């Protein structure tokens, strides 16, 4: 619940830093892919970005599907708070990724062609049923990662889950709204990209829809059905808290 009730400075800063964290993972992906030519080895290096998200307690947009939605359904948060959380996190993730990807491309000019090639796959896929399915799978993977994090108190287990989830997303070229946006930003920061920001914007809207369908429509809603008794208990607690506050003398 505190995630939905964060003050604006806290929300903005944690989301902006998440964009930086993901970009460091993208740097690892591009560097290893450039050196080896292997998509899968690059994805192994990308896993560092998701480990950084976990240990630094940064806020990634797609990690806000499971717990925040559950909080709203349990009536311990409002729809406005959820939408505020999603929009602010998405925008600040992208701003952080855009800024850090500019630095990466200036610091490692030898990676520019690799970035263009990696990003072009997603733009070429376009707004199609295939790209939508890739986005649904990405939303599913990231929300399953959140479920597994919540299901274990072991930090080593959570680290492994974060790394493995990053590997699947990057290695299988699933369409993740933030990860792939950073890749596209890297390409756009060069003079070699055969696409522009308008192409990215169209891709982003389609990908966000797929991520939400996968993360909320599949994983989160199924979990809510499974946990309906627990949700009812949370709703009863929330209603009891409201009545207690209303009964307090002003």
C-alpha atoms as a PDB file:
ATOM      1  CA  UNK A   1       0.000   0.000   0.000  1.00  0.00           C
ATOM      2  CA  UNK A   2       2.733   2.607   0.678  1.00  0.00           C
ATOM      3  CA  UNK A   3       3.673   2.465  -3.026  1.00  0.00           C
ATOM      4  CA  UNK A   4       0.318   4.014  -3.967  1.00  0.00           C
ATOM      5  CA  UNK A   5       0.586   6.629  -1.240  1.00  0.00           C
ATOM      6  CA  UNK A   6       4.090   7.853  -2.021  1.00  0.00           C
ATOM      7  CA  UNK A   7       4.639  11.565  -2.212  1.00  0.00           C
ATOM      8  CA  UNK A   8       5.432  12.945  -5.648  1.00  0.00           C
ATOM      9  CA  UNK A   9       9.183  13.431  -4.975  1.00  0.00           C
ATOM     10  CA  UNK A  10       9.542   9.841  -3.756  1.00  0.00           C
ATOM     11  CA  UNK A  11       7.565   8.420  -6.664  1.00  0.00           C
ATOM     12  CA  UNK A  12       9.390  10.449  -9.301  1.00  0.00           C
ATOM     13  CA  UNK A  13      12.874   9.747  -7.952  1.00  0.00           C
ATOM     14  CA  UNK A  14      12.440   5.967  -7.553  1.00  0.00           C
ATOM     15  CA  UNK A  15      10.956   5.686 -11.046  1.00  0.00           C
ATOM     16  CA  UNK A  16      13.636   7.862 -12.651  1.00  0.00           C
ATOM     17  CA  UNK A  17      16.382   5.799 -11.036  1.00  0.00           C
ATOM     18  CA  UNK A  18      14.738   2.632 -12.368  1.00  0.00           C
ATOM     19  CA  UNK A  19      15.244   3.997 -15.875  1.00  0.00           C
ATOM     20  CA  UNK A  20      18.938   4.387 -15.075  1.00  0.00           C
ATOM     21  CA  UNK A  21      19.132   0.844 -13.686  1.00  0.00           C
ATOM     22  CA  UNK A  22      17.547  -0.696 -16.772  1.00  0.00           C
ATOM     23  CA  UNK A  23      19.895   1.266 -19.026  1.00  0.00           C
ATOM     24  CA  UNK A  24      22.943  -0.152 -17.255  1.00  0.00           C
ATOM     25  CA  UNK A  25      21.513  -3.589 -17.994  1.00  0.00           C
ATOM     26  CA  UNK A  26      21.058  -2.574 -21.637  1.00  0.00           C
ATOM     27  CA  UNK A  27      24.680  -1.439 -21.708  1.00  0.00           C
ATOM     28  CA  UNK A  28      25.703  -4.925 -20.573  1.00  0.00           C
ATOM     29  CA  UNK A  29      23.473  -6.490 -23.220  1.00  0.00           C
ATOM     30  CA  UNK A  30      24.867  -4.353 -26.045  1.00  0.00           C
ATOM     31  CA  UNK A  31      28.489  -4.698 -24.978  1.00  0.00           C
ATOM     32  CA  UNK A  32      28.390  -8.490 -24.711  1.00  0.00           C
ATOM     33  CA  UNK A  33      26.365  -8.852 -27.904  1.00  0.00           C
ATOM     34  CA  UNK A  34      28.831  -6.586 -29.716  1.00  0.00           C
ATOM     35  CA  UNK A  35      31.771  -8.659 -28.452  1.00  0.00           C
ATOM     36  CA  UNK A  36      30.251 -12.113 -28.997  1.00  0.00           C
ATOM     37  CA  UNK A  37      27.457 -11.709 -31.538  1.00  0.00           C
ATOM     38  CA  UNK A  38      25.238 -13.770 -29.223  1.00  0.00           C
ATOM     39  CA  UNK A  39      21.758 -12.574 -28.232  1.00  0.00           C
ATOM     40  CA  UNK A  40      21.604 -15.031 -25.340  1.00  0.00           C
ATOM     41  CA  UNK A  41      24.980 -14.074 -23.860  1.00  0.00           C
ATOM     42  CA  UNK A  42      23.948 -10.435 -24.080  1.00  0.00           C
ATOM     43  CA  UNK A  43      20.723 -11.294 -22.250  1.00  0.00           C
ATOM     44  CA  UNK A  44      22.734 -12.913 -19.471  1.00  0.00           C
ATOM     45  CA  UNK A  45      24.564  -9.620 -18.984  1.00  0.00           C
ATOM     46  CA  UNK A  46      21.300  -7.683 -19.052  1.00  0.00           C
ATOM     47  CA  UNK A  47      20.148  -9.547 -15.935  1.00  0.00           C
ATOM     48  CA  UNK A  48      22.298  -7.126 -13.914  1.00  0.00           C
ATOM     49  CA  UNK A  49      19.755  -4.402 -14.630  1.00  0.00           C
ATOM     50  CA  UNK A  50      16.935  -6.314 -12.954  1.00  0.00           C
ATOM     51  CA  UNK A  51      19.146  -7.242 -10.009  1.00  0.00           C
ATOM     52  CA  UNK A  52      19.869  -3.526  -9.603  1.00  0.00           C
ATOM     53  CA  UNK A  53      16.124  -2.797  -9.632  1.00  0.00           C
ATOM     54  CA  UNK A  54      15.598  -5.318  -6.845  1.00  0.00           C
ATOM     55  CA  UNK A  55      18.453  -4.322  -4.558  1.00  0.00           C
ATOM     56  CA  UNK A  56      18.132  -0.561  -5.114  1.00  0.00           C
ATOM     57  CA  UNK A  57      14.334  -0.676  -4.552  1.00  0.00           C
ATOM     58  CA  UNK A  58      13.702   1.206  -7.783  1.00  0.00           C
ATOM     59  CA  UNK A  59      10.227   1.339  -9.329  1.00  0.00           C
ATOM     60  CA  UNK A  60       9.672  -0.158 -12.786  1.00  0.00           C
ATOM     61  CA  UNK A  61       6.347   0.544 -14.496  1.00  0.00           C
ATOM     62  CA  UNK A  62       5.469  -3.084 -15.205  1.00  0.00           C
ATOM     63  CA  UNK A  63       6.248  -4.119 -11.619  1.00  0.00           C
ATOM     64  CA  UNK A  64       3.205  -2.077 -10.604  1.00  0.00           C
ATOM     65  CA  UNK A  65       0.655  -4.533 -11.979  1.00  0.00           C
ATOM     66  CA  UNK A  66       0.306  -7.159  -9.252  1.00  0.00           C
ATOM     67  CA  UNK A  67       0.475  -5.596  -5.792  1.00  0.00           C
ATOM     68  CA  UNK A  68      -0.973  -2.122  -6.562  1.00  0.00           C
ATOM     69  CA  UNK A  69      -3.954  -3.604  -8.432  1.00  0.00           C
ATOM     70  CA  UNK A  70      -4.545  -6.024  -5.561  1.00  0.00           C
ATOM     71  CA  UNK A  71      -4.453  -3.114  -3.105  1.00  0.00           C
ATOM     72  CA  UNK A  72      -7.117  -1.243  -5.093  1.00  0.00           C
ATOM     73  CA  UNK A  73      -9.339  -4.321  -5.399  1.00  0.00           C
ATOM     74  CA  UNK A  74      -9.013  -4.793  -1.637  1.00  0.00           C
ATOM     75  CA  UNK A  75     -10.218  -1.160  -1.260  1.00  0.00           C
ATOM     76  CA  UNK A  76      -7.043  -0.057   0.466  1.00  0.00           C
ATOM     77  CA  UNK A  77      -6.247   2.292  -2.386  1.00  0.00           C
ATOM     78  CA  UNK A  78      -8.154   4.183  -5.073  1.00  0.00           C
ATOM     79  CA  UNK A  79      -8.244   3.953  -8.851  1.00  0.00           C
ATOM     80  CA  UNK A  80      -6.898   7.505  -9.027  1.00  0.00           C
ATOM     81  CA  UNK A  81      -3.893   6.515  -6.923  1.00  0.00           C
ATOM     82  CA  UNK A  82      -3.258   3.524  -9.183  1.00  0.00           C
ATOM     83  CA  UNK A  83      -3.428   5.595 -12.378  1.00  0.00           C
ATOM     84  CA  UNK A  84      -1.221   8.283 -10.815  1.00  0.00           C
ATOM     85  CA  UNK A  85       1.280   5.593  -9.855  1.00  0.00           C
ATOM     86  CA  UNK A  86       1.281   4.016 -13.329  1.00  0.00           C
ATOM     87  CA  UNK A  87       1.554   7.247 -15.310  1.00  0.00           C
ATOM     88  CA  UNK A  88       4.255   8.790 -13.122  1.00  0.00           C
ATOM     89  CA  UNK A  89       6.286   5.582 -13.073  1.00  0.00           C
ATOM     90  CA  UNK A  90       6.035   5.085 -16.838  1.00  0.00           C
ATOM     91  CA  UNK A  91       6.994   8.665 -17.691  1.00  0.00           C
ATOM     92  CA  UNK A  92       9.904   8.803 -15.241  1.00  0.00           C
ATOM     93  CA  UNK A  93      11.212   5.370 -16.290  1.00  0.00           C
ATOM     94  CA  UNK A  94      11.319   6.629 -19.866  1.00  0.00           C
ATOM     95  CA  UNK A  95      12.948   9.938 -18.933  1.00  0.00           C
ATOM     96  CA  UNK A  96      15.635   8.181 -16.907  1.00  0.00           C
ATOM     97  CA  UNK A  97      16.239   5.677 -19.696  1.00  0.00           C
ATOM     98  CA  UNK A  98      16.391   8.405 -22.352  1.00  0.00           C
ATOM     99  CA  UNK A  99      18.959  10.427 -20.391  1.00  0.00           C
ATOM    100  CA  UNK A 100      21.179   7.482 -19.460  1.00  0.00           C
ATOM    101  CA  UNK A 101      21.036   5.952 -22.951  1.00  0.00           C
ATOM    102  CA  UNK A 102      22.384   9.238 -24.358  1.00  0.00           C
ATOM    103  CA  UNK A 103      25.324   8.953 -21.981  1.00  0.00           C
ATOM    104  CA  UNK A 104      25.871   5.300 -22.920  1.00  0.00           C
ATOM    105  CA  UNK A 105      25.968   6.049 -26.633  1.00  0.00           C
ATOM    106  CA  UNK A 106      28.461   8.875 -26.077  1.00  0.00           C
ATOM    107  CA  UNK A 107      30.637   6.748 -23.827  1.00  0.00           C
ATOM    108  CA  UNK A 108      30.585   3.656 -26.071  1.00  0.00           C
ATOM    109  CA  UNK A 109      30.330   4.807 -29.695  1.00  0.00           C
ATOM    110  CA  UNK A 110      31.419   1.353 -30.865  1.00  0.00           C
ATOM    111  CA  UNK A 111      28.035   0.025 -29.693  1.00  0.00           C
ATOM    112  CA  UNK A 112      25.947   2.296 -31.925  1.00  0.00           C
ATOM    113  CA  UNK A 113      25.475  -0.139 -34.797  1.00  0.00           C
ATOM    114  CA  UNK A 114      24.645  -2.956 -32.398  1.00  0.00           C
ATOM    115  CA  UNK A 115      22.032  -0.726 -30.753  1.00  0.00           C
ATOM    116  CA  UNK A 116      20.448   0.109 -34.105  1.00  0.00           C
ATOM    117  CA  UNK A 117      20.281  -3.549 -35.084  1.00  0.00           C
ATOM    118  CA  UNK A 118      18.794  -4.593 -31.739  1.00  0.00           C
ATOM    119  CA  UNK A 119      16.183  -1.813 -31.710  1.00  0.00           C
ATOM    120  CA  UNK A 120      15.212  -2.224 -35.354  1.00  0.00           C
ATOM    121  CA  UNK A 121      13.781  -5.684 -34.677  1.00  0.00           C
ATOM    122  CA  UNK A 122      10.986  -4.194 -32.565  1.00  0.00           C
ATOM    123  CA  UNK A 123      10.214  -1.313 -34.896  1.00  0.00           C
ATOM    124  CA  UNK A 124      10.155  -3.672 -37.905  1.00  0.00           C
ATOM    125  CA  UNK A 125       7.771  -6.014 -36.100  1.00  0.00           C
ATOM    126  CA  UNK A 126       5.375  -3.076 -36.032  1.00  0.00           C
ATOM    127  CA  UNK A 127       1.847  -2.952 -34.679  1.00  0.00           C
ATOM    128  CA  UNK A 128       0.922  -6.533 -35.446  1.00  0.00           C
ATOM    129  CA  UNK A 129      -0.593  -9.510 -33.702  1.00  0.00           C
ATOM    130  CA  UNK A 130       2.887 -10.963 -33.297  1.00  0.00           C
ATOM    131  CA  UNK A 131       4.220  -7.862 -31.554  1.00  0.00           C
ATOM    132  CA  UNK A 132       1.135  -7.810 -29.330  1.00  0.00           C
ATOM    133  CA  UNK A 133       1.772 -11.412 -28.291  1.00  0.00           C
ATOM    134  CA  UNK A 134       5.409 -10.571 -27.512  1.00  0.00           C
ATOM    135  CA  UNK A 135       4.157  -7.705 -25.319  1.00  0.00           C
ATOM    136  CA  UNK A 136       1.623  -9.939 -23.553  1.00  0.00           C
ATOM    137  CA  UNK A 137       4.382 -12.438 -22.803  1.00  0.00           C
ATOM    138  CA  UNK A 138       6.627  -9.674 -21.451  1.00  0.00           C
ATOM    139  CA  UNK A 139       3.884  -8.421 -19.127  1.00  0.00           C
ATOM    140  CA  UNK A 140       3.295 -11.977 -17.962  1.00  0.00           C
ATOM    141  CA  UNK A 141       6.988 -12.604 -17.248  1.00  0.00           C
ATOM    142  CA  UNK A 142       7.504  -9.408 -15.268  1.00  0.00           C
ATOM    143  CA  UNK A 143       4.360  -9.958 -13.172  1.00  0.00           C
ATOM    144  CA  UNK A 144       5.349 -13.563 -12.497  1.00  0.00           C
ATOM    145  CA  UNK A 145       8.672 -12.172 -11.313  1.00  0.00           C
ATOM    146  CA  UNK A 146       6.800  -9.973  -8.844  1.00  0.00           C
ATOM    147  CA  UNK A 147       4.772 -12.957  -7.641  1.00  0.00           C
ATOM    148  CA  UNK A 148       7.931 -14.983  -7.080  1.00  0.00           C
ATOM    149  CA  UNK A 149       9.560 -12.096  -5.227  1.00  0.00           C
ATOM    150  CA  UNK A 150       6.558 -11.918  -2.925  1.00  0.00           C
ATOM    151  CA  UNK A 151       6.578 -15.671  -2.466  1.00  0.00           C
ATOM    152  CA  UNK A 152      10.067 -15.849  -1.001  1.00  0.00           C
ATOM    153  CA  UNK A 153      11.837 -14.168   1.907  1.00  0.00           C
ATOM    154  CA  UNK A 154      15.225 -15.324   0.621  1.00  0.00           C
ATOM    155  CA  UNK A 155      17.240 -12.554  -0.988  1.00  0.00           C
ATOM    156  CA  UNK A 156      19.433 -14.996  -2.981  1.00  0.00           C
ATOM    157  CA  UNK A 157      16.277 -16.536  -4.449  1.00  0.00           C
ATOM    158  CA  UNK A 158      14.929 -13.110  -5.369  1.00  0.00           C
ATOM    159  CA  UNK A 159      18.211 -12.186  -7.025  1.00  0.00           C
ATOM    160  CA  UNK A 160      18.147 -15.372  -9.116  1.00  0.00           C
ATOM    161  CA  UNK A 161      14.514 -14.730 -10.076  1.00  0.00           C
ATOM    162  CA  UNK A 162      15.358 -11.164 -11.140  1.00  0.00           C
ATOM    163  CA  UNK A 163      18.307 -12.278 -13.225  1.00  0.00           C
ATOM    164  CA  UNK A 164      16.356 -15.128 -14.853  1.00  0.00           C
ATOM    165  CA  UNK A 165      13.410 -12.848 -15.669  1.00  0.00           C
ATOM    166  CA  UNK A 166      15.724 -10.304 -17.275  1.00  0.00           C
ATOM    167  CA  UNK A 167      17.359 -13.091 -19.262  1.00  0.00           C
ATOM    168  CA  UNK A 168      14.010 -14.328 -20.606  1.00  0.00           C
ATOM    169  CA  UNK A 169      12.840 -10.824 -21.524  1.00  0.00           C
ATOM    170  CA  UNK A 170      16.027  -9.805 -23.309  1.00  0.00           C
ATOM    171  CA  UNK A 171      17.126 -13.185 -24.665  1.00  0.00           C
ATOM    172  CA  UNK A 172      13.761 -14.083 -26.178  1.00  0.00           C
ATOM    173  CA  UNK A 173      13.241 -10.526 -27.504  1.00  0.00           C
ATOM    174  CA  UNK A 174       9.931 -10.056 -25.711  1.00  0.00           C
ATOM    175  CA  UNK A 175       8.388  -6.612 -26.105  1.00  0.00           C
ATOM    176  CA  UNK A 176       8.789  -4.815 -22.771  1.00  0.00           C
ATOM    177  CA  UNK A 177       7.720  -1.171 -22.825  1.00  0.00           C
ATOM    178  CA  UNK A 178      10.673   0.142 -20.789  1.00  0.00           C
ATOM    179  CA  UNK A 179      13.507  -2.240 -21.705  1.00  0.00           C
ATOM    180  CA  UNK A 180      12.937  -1.996 -25.429  1.00  0.00           C
ATOM    181  CA  UNK A 181      12.286   1.748 -25.248  1.00  0.00           C
ATOM    182  CA  UNK A 182      15.783   2.135 -23.827  1.00  0.00           C
ATOM    183  CA  UNK A 183      17.173   0.073 -26.709  1.00  0.00           C
ATOM    184  CA  UNK A 184      15.269   2.262 -29.161  1.00  0.00           C
ATOM    185  CA  UNK A 185      16.525   5.407 -27.422  1.00  0.00           C
ATOM    186  CA  UNK A 186      20.087   4.154 -27.800  1.00  0.00           C
ATOM    187  CA  UNK A 187      19.497   3.792 -31.533  1.00  0.00           C
ATOM    188  CA  UNK A 188      17.798   7.190 -31.800  1.00  0.00           C
ATOM    189  CA  UNK A 189      20.767   8.850 -30.083  1.00  0.00           C
ATOM    190  CA  UNK A 190      22.893   7.791 -33.046  1.00  0.00           C
ATOM    191  CA  UNK A 191      22.637   9.148 -36.580  1.00  0.00           C
ATOM    192  CA  UNK A 192      22.031   5.666 -37.974  1.00  0.00           C
ATOM    193  CA  UNK A 193      18.506   4.756 -36.875  1.00  0.00           C
ATOM    194  CA  UNK A 194      16.155   4.116 -39.822  1.00  0.00           C
ATOM    195  CA  UNK A 195      13.166   5.206 -37.694  1.00  0.00           C
ATOM    196  CA  UNK A 196      12.121   8.162 -35.571  1.00  0.00           C
ATOM    197  CA  UNK A 197      10.338   9.071 -32.358  1.00  0.00           C
ATOM    198  CA  UNK A 198       6.928   8.805 -34.046  1.00  0.00           C
ATOM    199  CA  UNK A 199       7.647   5.151 -34.846  1.00  0.00           C
ATOM    200  CA  UNK A 200       8.684   4.580 -31.250  1.00  0.00           C
ATOM    201  CA  UNK A 201       5.539   6.273 -29.886  1.00  0.00           C
ATOM    202  CA  UNK A 202       3.244   4.044 -31.947  1.00  0.00           C
ATOM    203  CA  UNK A 203       5.172   0.956 -30.891  1.00  0.00           C
ATOM    204  CA  UNK A 204       5.103   2.069 -27.243  1.00  0.00           C
ATOM    205  CA  UNK A 205       1.331   2.485 -27.064  1.00  0.00           C
ATOM    206  CA  UNK A 206       0.755  -0.957 -28.597  1.00  0.00           C
ATOM    207  CA  UNK A 207       3.352  -2.537 -26.309  1.00  0.00           C
ATOM    208  CA  UNK A 208       1.940  -0.972 -23.142  1.00  0.00           C
ATOM    209  CA  UNK A 209      -1.465  -2.418 -24.029  1.00  0.00           C
ATOM    210  CA  UNK A 210       0.048  -5.877 -24.443  1.00  0.00           C
ATOM    211  CA  UNK A 211       2.061  -5.573 -21.221  1.00  0.00           C
ATOM    212  CA  UNK A 212      -1.095  -4.647 -19.298  1.00  0.00           C
ATOM    213  CA  UNK A 213      -3.077  -7.507 -20.825  1.00  0.00           C
ATOM    214  CA  UNK A 214      -0.337  -9.960 -19.854  1.00  0.00           C
ATOM    215  CA  UNK A 215       0.433  -8.570 -16.419  1.00  0.00           C
ATOM    216  CA  UNK A 216      -3.024  -7.503 -15.267  1.00  0.00           C
ATOM    217  CA  UNK A 217      -5.398  -9.436 -17.516  1.00  0.00           C
ATOM    218  CA  UNK A 218      -3.701 -12.791 -17.086  1.00  0.00           C
ATOM    219  CA  UNK A 219      -1.489 -13.068 -14.002  1.00  0.00           C
ATOM    220  CA  UNK A 220      -3.037 -10.511 -11.635  1.00  0.00           C
ATOM    221  CA  UNK A 221      -6.709 -11.277 -12.285  1.00  0.00           C
ATOM    222  CA  UNK A 222      -6.123 -15.021 -11.995  1.00  0.00           C
ATOM    223  CA  UNK A 223      -4.345 -14.453  -8.700  1.00  0.00           C
ATOM    224  CA  UNK A 224      -7.261 -12.350  -7.459  1.00  0.00           C
ATOM    225  CA  UNK A 225      -9.697 -15.159  -8.295  1.00  0.00           C
ATOM    226  CA  UNK A 226      -7.484 -17.590  -6.423  1.00  0.00           C
ATOM    227  CA  UNK A 227      -7.211 -15.255  -3.419  1.00  0.00           C
ATOM    228  CA  UNK A 228     -10.820 -14.040  -3.286  1.00  0.00           C
ATOM    229  CA  UNK A 229     -11.261 -14.994   0.385  1.00  0.00           C
ATOM    230  CA  UNK A 230      -8.134 -13.071   1.350  1.00  0.00           C
ATOM    231  CA  UNK A 231      -9.350 -10.078  -0.683  1.00  0.00           C
ATOM    232  CA  UNK A 232     -12.652 -10.132   1.193  1.00  0.00           C
ATOM    233  CA  UNK A 233     -10.754 -10.100   4.494  1.00  0.00           C
ATOM    234  CA  UNK A 234      -8.723  -7.090   3.338  1.00  0.00           C
ATOM    235  CA  UNK A 235     -11.913  -5.303   2.278  1.00  0.00           C
ATOM    236  CA  UNK A 236     -13.457  -5.939   5.682  1.00  0.00           C
ATOM    237  CA  UNK A 237     -10.338  -4.539   7.366  1.00  0.00           C
ATOM    238  CA  UNK A 238     -10.453  -1.470   5.129  1.00  0.00           C
ATOM    239  CA  UNK A 239     -14.138  -0.852   5.891  1.00  0.00           C
ATOM    240  CA  UNK A 240     -13.487  -1.288   9.617  1.00  0.00           C
ATOM    241  CA  UNK A 241     -10.664   1.253   9.457  1.00  0.00           C
ATOM    242  CA  UNK A 242     -12.921   3.746   7.666  1.00  0.00           C
ATOM    243  CA  UNK A 243     -15.671   3.345  10.258  1.00  0.00           C
ATOM    244  CA  UNK A 244     -13.185   3.780  13.104  1.00  0.00           C
ATOM    245  CA  UNK A 245     -11.839   6.991  11.580  1.00  0.00           C
ATOM    246  CA  UNK A 246     -15.360   8.289  11.001  1.00  0.00           C
ATOM    247  CA  UNK A 247     -16.256   7.615  14.630  1.00  0.00           C
ATOM    248  CA  UNK A 248     -13.257   9.521  15.974  1.00  0.00           C
ATOM    249  CA  UNK A 249     -14.090  12.946  17.388  1.00  0.00           C
ATOM    250  CA  UNK A 250     -12.950  15.772  15.134  1.00  0.00           C
END
